[in-house]
Amino acid sequence: MSAEERQRTIVATARREGAVDVGRLAVDLGVAKETVRRDLRVLESHGLLRRTHGGAYPVESAGFETTLAFRTTMHVPEKRRIAQAAAGMLGDAETVFIDEGFTPQLIAEALPRDRPLTVVTASLPVASSLAAGDGEFTVLLLGGRVRGGTLATVEHWTSKMLAGFVIDLAFVGANGISREHGLTTPDPAVGEVKAQAVRASRRRVFAGLHSKFGAVSFCRFAEVGDFEAIVTSTALPGHEAHRYALRGPQVIRV
């Protein structure tokens, strides 16, 4: 197997399984661990993988994006903690935008049920969960084309409807967040909906795993400084959190 074939196999495995381990890859590919580490360095330099201690995980891009079903199986305890902390920032908001994705879905589930709240969302799972619940919610589902992988609406119908609102607080997710490139996502149609949500809201909170930080996807839709707060896991190093805080938002690690 050539280096190129080996690297294609590594990327395919990472995308299928969500992560790869150096030791396991070395056994499966029949090469030394150092060869695998060298392959991972090459793949990271090409923006296809992010290395971790002992392995790597795939970077979402214009050509690859994980499905909502897959996201519900990964790092669930961390995502629940992040969602609970993000929901705790509701304050006196009466109107809320909740983004597509699994962590925003968990934020929706964590919202207090004892007060009236109008929720605007492009996410079918979020709308279904809140509309069927026992809270005092008014749920507005944005119309548009439904993306099969994420079960969220996009295109001009979605953005046009969203542009007609002034929203107190937006809970926004992203595929990547970096100090240099801001918040990014692979799909231009998704990026436009997120950008419109940022424009339509008075306050904005980003919620996402530490693995999102430093990752850069295809479409930029907001800057770090557009956000009041960033909520993530304690796996984001303190010094790195401080660098993001210098751009404006409060950084909360849970």
C-alpha atoms as a PDB file:
ATOM      1  CA  MET A   1       0.000   0.000   0.000  1.00  0.00           C
ATOM      2  CA  SER A   2       1.422   3.361  -1.009  1.00  0.00           C
ATOM      3  CA  ALA A   3       1.498   6.336   1.358  1.00  0.00           C
ATOM      4  CA  GLU A   4      -1.353   7.963  -0.588  1.00  0.00           C
ATOM      5  CA  GLU A   5      -3.507   4.817  -0.382  1.00  0.00           C
ATOM      6  CA  ARG A   6      -2.697   4.439   3.302  1.00  0.00           C
ATOM      7  CA  GLN A   7      -3.685   8.047   4.006  1.00  0.00           C
ATOM      8  CA  ARG A   8      -6.962   7.659   2.100  1.00  0.00           C
ATOM      9  CA  THR A   9      -7.705   4.609   4.239  1.00  0.00           C
ATOM     10  CA  ILE A  10      -6.941   6.546   7.414  1.00  0.00           C
ATOM     11  CA  VAL A  11      -9.280   9.410   6.435  1.00  0.00           C
ATOM     12  CA  ALA A  12     -12.049   6.976   5.464  1.00  0.00           C
ATOM     13  CA  THR A  13     -11.691   5.155   8.794  1.00  0.00           C
ATOM     14  CA  ALA A  14     -11.740   8.397  10.773  1.00  0.00           C
ATOM     15  CA  ARG A  15     -14.876   9.581   8.991  1.00  0.00           C
ATOM     16  CA  ARG A  16     -16.608   6.237   9.467  1.00  0.00           C
ATOM     17  CA  GLU A  17     -15.690   5.734  13.127  1.00  0.00           C
ATOM     18  CA  GLY A  18     -15.364   9.326  14.324  1.00  0.00           C
ATOM     19  CA  ALA A  19     -11.698   8.970  15.367  1.00  0.00           C
ATOM     20  CA  VAL A  20      -8.619   6.818  14.811  1.00  0.00           C
ATOM     21  CA  ASP A  21      -5.989   5.430  17.155  1.00  0.00           C
ATOM     22  CA  VAL A  22      -2.304   5.254  16.189  1.00  0.00           C
ATOM     23  CA  GLY A  23      -1.757   1.785  17.660  1.00  0.00           C
ATOM     24  CA  ARG A  24      -4.800   0.254  16.031  1.00  0.00           C
ATOM     25  CA  LEU A  25      -3.996   1.832  12.664  1.00  0.00           C
ATOM     26  CA  ALA A  26      -0.447   0.505  12.815  1.00  0.00           C
ATOM     27  CA  VAL A  27      -1.779  -3.030  13.321  1.00  0.00           C
ATOM     28  CA  ASP A  28      -4.521  -2.752  10.696  1.00  0.00           C
ATOM     29  CA  LEU A  29      -2.214  -1.220   8.086  1.00  0.00           C
ATOM     30  CA  GLY A  30       0.803  -3.379   8.925  1.00  0.00           C
ATOM     31  CA  VAL A  31       3.168  -0.435   9.431  1.00  0.00           C
ATOM     32  CA  ALA A  32       5.120   1.123  12.291  1.00  0.00           C
ATOM     33  CA  LYS A  33       3.453   3.585  14.639  1.00  0.00           C
ATOM     34  CA  GLU A  34       5.867   6.287  13.503  1.00  0.00           C
ATOM     35  CA  THR A  35       4.678   5.759   9.916  1.00  0.00           C
ATOM     36  CA  VAL A  36       1.106   6.306  11.067  1.00  0.00           C
ATOM     37  CA  ARG A  37       2.114   9.419  13.011  1.00  0.00           C
ATOM     38  CA  ARG A  38       3.817  10.772   9.895  1.00  0.00           C
ATOM     39  CA  ASP A  39       0.665  10.098   7.871  1.00  0.00           C
ATOM     40  CA  LEU A  40      -1.423  11.915  10.482  1.00  0.00           C
ATOM     41  CA  ARG A  41       0.885  14.932  10.328  1.00  0.00           C
ATOM     42  CA  VAL A  42       0.485  15.041   6.551  1.00  0.00           C
ATOM     43  CA  LEU A  43      -3.291  14.706   6.763  1.00  0.00           C
ATOM     44  CA  GLU A  44      -3.458  17.432   9.418  1.00  0.00           C
ATOM     45  CA  SER A  45      -1.410  19.766   7.216  1.00  0.00           C
ATOM     46  CA  HIS A  46      -3.983  19.169   4.453  1.00  0.00           C
ATOM     47  CA  GLY A  47      -6.825  20.067   6.815  1.00  0.00           C
ATOM     48  CA  LEU A  48      -8.382  16.584   6.750  1.00  0.00           C
ATOM     49  CA  LEU A  49      -7.681  15.475  10.326  1.00  0.00           C
ATOM     50  CA  ARG A  50      -6.911  17.011  13.708  1.00  0.00           C
ATOM     51  CA  ARG A  51      -4.338  15.132  15.754  1.00  0.00           C
ATOM     52  CA  THR A  52      -4.912  14.259  19.398  1.00  0.00           C
ATOM     53  CA  HIS A  53      -2.782  12.432  21.940  1.00  0.00           C
ATOM     54  CA  GLY A  54      -2.526   8.943  20.443  1.00  0.00           C
ATOM     55  CA  GLY A  55      -4.761   9.486  17.430  1.00  0.00           C
ATOM     56  CA  ALA A  56      -6.824  11.914  15.359  1.00  0.00           C
ATOM     57  CA  TYR A  57     -10.381  12.818  14.391  1.00  0.00           C
ATOM     58  CA  PRO A  58     -11.795  14.046  11.058  1.00  0.00           C
ATOM     59  CA  VAL A  59     -12.253  17.718  10.219  1.00  0.00           C
ATOM     60  CA  GLU A  60     -15.617  18.572   8.668  1.00  0.00           C
ATOM     61  CA  SER A  61     -15.280  20.288   5.316  1.00  0.00           C
ATOM     62  CA  ALA A  62     -17.153  21.147   2.138  1.00  0.00           C
ATOM     63  CA  GLY A  63     -16.777  17.497   1.148  1.00  0.00           C
ATOM     64  CA  PHE A  64     -17.526  15.848   4.487  1.00  0.00           C
ATOM     65  CA  GLU A  65     -19.953  16.532   7.306  1.00  0.00           C
ATOM     66  CA  THR A  66     -21.130  14.225  10.073  1.00  0.00           C
ATOM     67  CA  THR A  67     -24.842  13.473  10.278  1.00  0.00           C
ATOM     68  CA  LEU A  68     -27.079  14.397  13.179  1.00  0.00           C
ATOM     69  CA  ALA A  69     -27.534  10.693  13.958  1.00  0.00           C
ATOM     70  CA  PHE A  70     -23.763  10.276  14.293  1.00  0.00           C
ATOM     71  CA  ARG A  71     -23.437  13.349  16.522  1.00  0.00           C
ATOM     72  CA  THR A  72     -25.937  11.902  18.991  1.00  0.00           C
ATOM     73  CA  THR A  73     -23.474   9.077  19.741  1.00  0.00           C
ATOM     74  CA  MET A  74     -20.338  11.136  20.393  1.00  0.00           C
ATOM     75  CA  HIS A  75     -19.273  12.927  23.628  1.00  0.00           C
ATOM     76  CA  VAL A  76     -22.843  13.021  24.931  1.00  0.00           C
ATOM     77  CA  PRO A  77     -22.032  13.733  28.619  1.00  0.00           C
ATOM     78  CA  GLU A  78     -19.844  16.702  27.656  1.00  0.00           C
ATOM     79  CA  LYS A  79     -22.501  18.018  25.291  1.00  0.00           C
ATOM     80  CA  ARG A  80     -25.151  17.776  28.015  1.00  0.00           C
ATOM     81  CA  ARG A  81     -23.007  19.789  30.427  1.00  0.00           C
ATOM     82  CA  ILE A  82     -22.395  22.431  27.766  1.00  0.00           C
ATOM     83  CA  ALA A  83     -26.105  22.566  26.935  1.00  0.00           C
ATOM     84  CA  GLN A  84     -27.115  22.986  30.577  1.00  0.00           C
ATOM     85  CA  ALA A  85     -24.630  25.837  31.047  1.00  0.00           C
ATOM     86  CA  ALA A  86     -25.726  27.527  27.820  1.00  0.00           C
ATOM     87  CA  ALA A  87     -29.421  27.288  28.745  1.00  0.00           C
ATOM     88  CA  GLY A  88     -28.526  28.910  32.053  1.00  0.00           C
ATOM     89  CA  MET A  89     -27.653  32.091  30.144  1.00  0.00           C
ATOM     90  CA  LEU A  90     -31.256  32.632  29.051  1.00  0.00           C
ATOM     91  CA  GLY A  91     -31.683  35.614  31.366  1.00  0.00           C
ATOM     92  CA  ASP A  92     -34.848  37.584  30.668  1.00  0.00           C
ATOM     93  CA  ALA A  93     -35.034  36.601  26.990  1.00  0.00           C
ATOM     94  CA  GLU A  94     -38.542  36.098  25.660  1.00  0.00           C
ATOM     95  CA  THR A  95     -37.586  35.091  22.101  1.00  0.00           C
ATOM     96  CA  VAL A  96     -34.849  32.581  21.325  1.00  0.00           C
ATOM     97  CA  PHE A  97     -33.243  31.148  18.189  1.00  0.00           C
ATOM     98  CA  ILE A  98     -31.959  27.570  18.480  1.00  0.00           C
ATOM     99  CA  ASP A  99     -29.588  26.358  15.787  1.00  0.00           C
ATOM    100  CA  GLU A 100     -29.495  22.973  14.084  1.00  0.00           C
ATOM    101  CA  GLY A 101     -27.347  20.200  15.560  1.00  0.00           C
ATOM    102  CA  PHE A 102     -27.286  17.900  18.562  1.00  0.00           C
ATOM    103  CA  THR A 103     -25.873  20.297  21.165  1.00  0.00           C
ATOM    104  CA  PRO A 104     -28.507  22.950  20.302  1.00  0.00           C
ATOM    105  CA  GLN A 105     -31.113  20.188  20.576  1.00  0.00           C
ATOM    106  CA  LEU A 106     -29.868  19.481  24.106  1.00  0.00           C
ATOM    107  CA  ILE A 107     -30.044  23.215  24.871  1.00  0.00           C
ATOM    108  CA  ALA A 108     -33.699  23.167  23.817  1.00  0.00           C
ATOM    109  CA  GLU A 109     -34.360  20.283  26.197  1.00  0.00           C
ATOM    110  CA  ALA A 110     -32.623  22.186  29.022  1.00  0.00           C
ATOM    111  CA  LEU A 111     -34.701  25.366  28.702  1.00  0.00           C
ATOM    112  CA  PRO A 112     -36.920  26.146  31.716  1.00  0.00           C
ATOM    113  CA  ARG A 113     -40.508  24.954  31.289  1.00  0.00           C
ATOM    114  CA  ASP A 114     -42.089  27.331  33.777  1.00  0.00           C
ATOM    115  CA  ARG A 115     -42.178  30.527  31.690  1.00  0.00           C
ATOM    116  CA  PRO A 116     -43.530  31.600  28.296  1.00  0.00           C
ATOM    117  CA  LEU A 117     -40.910  31.504  25.555  1.00  0.00           C
ATOM    118  CA  THR A 118     -41.031  31.892  21.778  1.00  0.00           C
ATOM    119  CA  VAL A 119     -38.496  29.630  20.063  1.00  0.00           C
ATOM    120  CA  VAL A 120     -37.452  30.083  16.429  1.00  0.00           C
ATOM    121  CA  THR A 121     -35.554  27.206  14.834  1.00  0.00           C
ATOM    122  CA  ALA A 122     -34.590  25.623  11.535  1.00  0.00           C
ATOM    123  CA  SER A 123     -34.215  22.236  13.241  1.00  0.00           C
ATOM    124  CA  LEU A 124     -37.042  19.728  12.872  1.00  0.00           C
ATOM    125  CA  PRO A 125     -35.926  17.712  15.952  1.00  0.00           C
ATOM    126  CA  VAL A 126     -35.827  20.884  18.087  1.00  0.00           C
ATOM    127  CA  ALA A 127     -39.277  21.984  16.885  1.00  0.00           C
ATOM    128  CA  SER A 128     -40.727  18.522  17.436  1.00  0.00           C
ATOM    129  CA  SER A 129     -39.242  18.172  20.914  1.00  0.00           C
ATOM    130  CA  LEU A 130     -40.438  21.565  22.144  1.00  0.00           C
ATOM    131  CA  ALA A 131     -43.870  21.446  20.502  1.00  0.00           C
ATOM    132  CA  ALA A 132     -44.575  18.034  22.053  1.00  0.00           C
ATOM    133  CA  GLY A 133     -43.277  19.021  25.499  1.00  0.00           C
ATOM    134  CA  ASP A 134     -45.089  20.443  28.486  1.00  0.00           C
ATOM    135  CA  GLY A 135     -43.483  23.894  28.495  1.00  0.00           C
ATOM    136  CA  GLU A 136     -45.178  27.202  27.752  1.00  0.00           C
ATOM    137  CA  PHE A 137     -43.490  27.453  24.368  1.00  0.00           C
ATOM    138  CA  THR A 138     -44.533  28.990  21.084  1.00  0.00           C
ATOM    139  CA  VAL A 139     -42.473  27.213  18.415  1.00  0.00           C
ATOM    140  CA  LEU A 140     -41.795  28.774  15.012  1.00  0.00           C
ATOM    141  CA  LEU A 141     -40.245  26.370  12.501  1.00  0.00           C
ATOM    142  CA  LEU A 142     -38.473  28.132   9.642  1.00  0.00           C
ATOM    143  CA  GLY A 143     -39.528  26.861   6.225  1.00  0.00           C
ATOM    144  CA  GLY A 144     -37.212  25.724   3.440  1.00  0.00           C
ATOM    145  CA  ARG A 145     -35.443  22.720   1.970  1.00  0.00           C
ATOM    146  CA  VAL A 146     -34.755  20.038   4.579  1.00  0.00           C
ATOM    147  CA  ARG A 147     -31.201  18.702   4.669  1.00  0.00           C
ATOM    148  CA  GLY A 148     -31.345  14.943   5.174  1.00  0.00           C
ATOM    149  CA  GLY A 149     -28.191  14.635   7.263  1.00  0.00           C
ATOM    150  CA  THR A 150     -29.110  17.290   9.826  1.00  0.00           C
ATOM    151  CA  LEU A 151     -32.925  17.498   9.493  1.00  0.00           C
ATOM    152  CA  ALA A 152     -32.752  21.292   9.277  1.00  0.00           C
ATOM    153  CA  THR A 153     -34.166  23.770   6.777  1.00  0.00           C
ATOM    154  CA  VAL A 154     -32.020  25.957   4.538  1.00  0.00           C
ATOM    155  CA  GLU A 155     -32.130  28.137   1.395  1.00  0.00           C
ATOM    156  CA  HIS A 156     -33.684  31.562   0.789  1.00  0.00           C
ATOM    157  CA  TRP A 157     -37.069  30.670   2.299  1.00  0.00           C
ATOM    158  CA  THR A 158     -35.396  30.036   5.653  1.00  0.00           C
ATOM    159  CA  SER A 159     -33.246  33.153   5.617  1.00  0.00           C
ATOM    160  CA  LYS A 160     -36.069  35.408   4.443  1.00  0.00           C
ATOM    161  CA  MET A 161     -38.378  34.288   7.253  1.00  0.00           C
ATOM    162  CA  LEU A 162     -35.605  34.673   9.818  1.00  0.00           C
ATOM    163  CA  ALA A 163     -34.795  38.177   8.554  1.00  0.00           C
ATOM    164  CA  GLY A 164     -38.261  39.297   9.636  1.00  0.00           C
ATOM    165  CA  PHE A 165     -37.555  38.716  13.338  1.00  0.00           C
ATOM    166  CA  VAL A 166     -35.736  40.561  16.102  1.00  0.00           C
ATOM    167  CA  ILE A 167     -34.628  37.831  18.507  1.00  0.00           C
ATOM    168  CA  ASP A 168     -33.485  38.350  22.085  1.00  0.00           C
ATOM    169  CA  LEU A 169     -30.981  35.478  22.230  1.00  0.00           C
ATOM    170  CA  ALA A 170     -29.509  33.077  19.671  1.00  0.00           C
ATOM    171  CA  PHE A 171     -27.886  29.769  20.614  1.00  0.00           C
ATOM    172  CA  VAL A 172     -25.555  29.069  17.692  1.00  0.00           C
ATOM    173  CA  GLY A 173     -23.365  26.113  16.811  1.00  0.00           C
ATOM    174  CA  ALA A 174     -20.569  25.727  14.254  1.00  0.00           C
ATOM    175  CA  ASN A 175     -18.381  23.085  12.687  1.00  0.00           C
ATOM    176  CA  GLY A 176     -15.296  25.124  13.542  1.00  0.00           C
ATOM    177  CA  ILE A 177     -14.289  28.205  15.512  1.00  0.00           C
ATOM    178  CA  SER A 178     -10.934  29.953  15.294  1.00  0.00           C
ATOM    179  CA  ARG A 179      -9.585  33.341  16.290  1.00  0.00           C
ATOM    180  CA  GLU A 180      -8.381  34.004  12.759  1.00  0.00           C
ATOM    181  CA  HIS A 181     -11.377  32.822  10.718  1.00  0.00           C
ATOM    182  CA  GLY A 182     -14.264  33.090  13.166  1.00  0.00           C
ATOM    183  CA  LEU A 183     -17.109  30.576  13.054  1.00  0.00           C
ATOM    184  CA  THR A 184     -17.368  28.330  10.018  1.00  0.00           C
ATOM    185  CA  THR A 185     -19.534  25.578   8.542  1.00  0.00           C
ATOM    186  CA  PRO A 186     -19.153  23.397   5.417  1.00  0.00           C
ATOM    187  CA  ASP A 187     -22.378  24.243   3.552  1.00  0.00           C
ATOM    188  CA  PRO A 188     -23.001  27.764   2.141  1.00  0.00           C
ATOM    189  CA  ALA A 189     -26.764  27.353   2.575  1.00  0.00           C
ATOM    190  CA  VAL A 190     -26.321  26.503   6.257  1.00  0.00           C
ATOM    191  CA  GLY A 191     -23.839  29.356   6.645  1.00  0.00           C
ATOM    192  CA  GLU A 192     -26.388  31.865   5.360  1.00  0.00           C
ATOM    193  CA  VAL A 193     -29.025  30.741   7.869  1.00  0.00           C
ATOM    194  CA  LYS A 194     -26.523  30.996  10.708  1.00  0.00           C
ATOM    195  CA  ALA A 195     -25.336  34.418   9.526  1.00  0.00           C
ATOM    196  CA  GLN A 196     -28.921  35.642   9.394  1.00  0.00           C
ATOM    197  CA  ALA A 197     -29.523  34.335  12.926  1.00  0.00           C
ATOM    198  CA  VAL A 198     -26.495  36.317  14.120  1.00  0.00           C
ATOM    199  CA  ARG A 199     -27.780  39.464  12.382  1.00  0.00           C
ATOM    200  CA  ALA A 200     -31.308  39.038  13.760  1.00  0.00           C
ATOM    201  CA  SER A 201     -30.346  38.532  17.418  1.00  0.00           C
ATOM    202  CA  ARG A 202     -29.500  40.992  20.165  1.00  0.00           C
ATOM    203  CA  ARG A 203     -27.441  38.477  22.171  1.00  0.00           C
ATOM    204  CA  ARG A 204     -25.554  35.435  20.901  1.00  0.00           C
ATOM    205  CA  VAL A 205     -24.096  32.390  22.644  1.00  0.00           C
ATOM    206  CA  PHE A 206     -21.880  29.815  20.945  1.00  0.00           C
ATOM    207  CA  ALA A 207     -21.999  26.316  22.432  1.00  0.00           C
ATOM    208  CA  GLY A 208     -19.695  23.538  21.257  1.00  0.00           C
ATOM    209  CA  LEU A 209     -17.090  20.950  22.179  1.00  0.00           C
ATOM    210  CA  HIS A 210     -13.430  21.826  22.633  1.00  0.00           C
ATOM    211  CA  SER A 211     -12.687  19.906  19.428  1.00  0.00           C
ATOM    212  CA  LYS A 212     -14.340  22.698  17.417  1.00  0.00           C
ATOM    213  CA  PHE A 213     -11.643  25.178  18.427  1.00  0.00           C
ATOM    214  CA  GLY A 214      -8.940  25.793  15.857  1.00  0.00           C
ATOM    215  CA  ALA A 215     -10.937  23.904  13.207  1.00  0.00           C
ATOM    216  CA  VAL A 216     -11.775  25.820  10.026  1.00  0.00           C
ATOM    217  CA  SER A 217     -14.480  24.824   7.569  1.00  0.00           C
ATOM    218  CA  PHE A 218     -15.521  26.250   4.191  1.00  0.00           C
ATOM    219  CA  CYS A 219     -18.006  29.061   4.951  1.00  0.00           C
ATOM    220  CA  ARG A 220     -17.463  31.804   7.501  1.00  0.00           C
ATOM    221  CA  PHE A 221     -20.671  33.177   9.007  1.00  0.00           C
ATOM    222  CA  ALA A 222     -19.605  35.129  12.131  1.00  0.00           C
ATOM    223  CA  GLU A 223     -16.662  36.505  14.080  1.00  0.00           C
ATOM    224  CA  VAL A 224     -15.702  35.448  17.600  1.00  0.00           C
ATOM    225  CA  GLY A 225     -16.370  38.986  18.807  1.00  0.00           C
ATOM    226  CA  ASP A 226     -20.013  38.770  17.689  1.00  0.00           C
ATOM    227  CA  PHE A 227     -20.766  36.558  20.701  1.00  0.00           C
ATOM    228  CA  GLU A 228     -21.574  37.450  24.288  1.00  0.00           C
ATOM    229  CA  ALA A 229     -20.397  34.057  25.491  1.00  0.00           C
ATOM    230  CA  ILE A 230     -18.702  30.851  24.397  1.00  0.00           C
ATOM    231  CA  VAL A 231     -19.649  27.689  26.290  1.00  0.00           C
ATOM    232  CA  THR A 232     -17.412  24.642  25.898  1.00  0.00           C
ATOM    233  CA  SER A 233     -15.839  21.774  27.813  1.00  0.00           C
ATOM    234  CA  THR A 234     -12.940  21.900  30.267  1.00  0.00           C
ATOM    235  CA  ALA A 235     -10.842  20.031  27.704  1.00  0.00           C
ATOM    236  CA  LEU A 236     -10.200  23.425  26.078  1.00  0.00           C
ATOM    237  CA  PRO A 237      -6.983  24.581  27.796  1.00  0.00           C
ATOM    238  CA  GLY A 238      -7.297  27.637  30.031  1.00  0.00           C
ATOM    239  CA  HIS A 239      -4.690  29.616  28.115  1.00  0.00           C
ATOM    240  CA  GLU A 240      -6.552  28.968  24.867  1.00  0.00           C
ATOM    241  CA  ALA A 241      -9.849  30.032  26.434  1.00  0.00           C
ATOM    242  CA  HIS A 242      -8.163  33.270  27.508  1.00  0.00           C
ATOM    243  CA  ARG A 243      -7.084  33.992  23.924  1.00  0.00           C
ATOM    244  CA  TYR A 244     -10.684  33.691  22.751  1.00  0.00           C
ATOM    245  CA  ALA A 245     -11.893  35.840  25.649  1.00  0.00           C
ATOM    246  CA  LEU A 246      -9.574  38.615  24.473  1.00  0.00           C
ATOM    247  CA  ARG A 247     -11.752  38.817  21.346  1.00  0.00           C
ATOM    248  CA  GLY A 248     -14.750  39.856  23.471  1.00  0.00           C
ATOM    249  CA  PRO A 249     -16.896  36.939  24.657  1.00  0.00           C
ATOM    250  CA  GLN A 250     -16.986  35.403  28.104  1.00  0.00           C
ATOM    251  CA  VAL A 251     -15.580  31.875  27.815  1.00  0.00           C
ATOM    252  CA  ILE A 252     -17.245  29.319  30.081  1.00  0.00           C
ATOM    253  CA  ARG A 253     -15.703  25.856  30.464  1.00  0.00           C
ATOM    254  CA  VAL A 254     -17.838  23.137  32.059  1.00  0.00           C
END
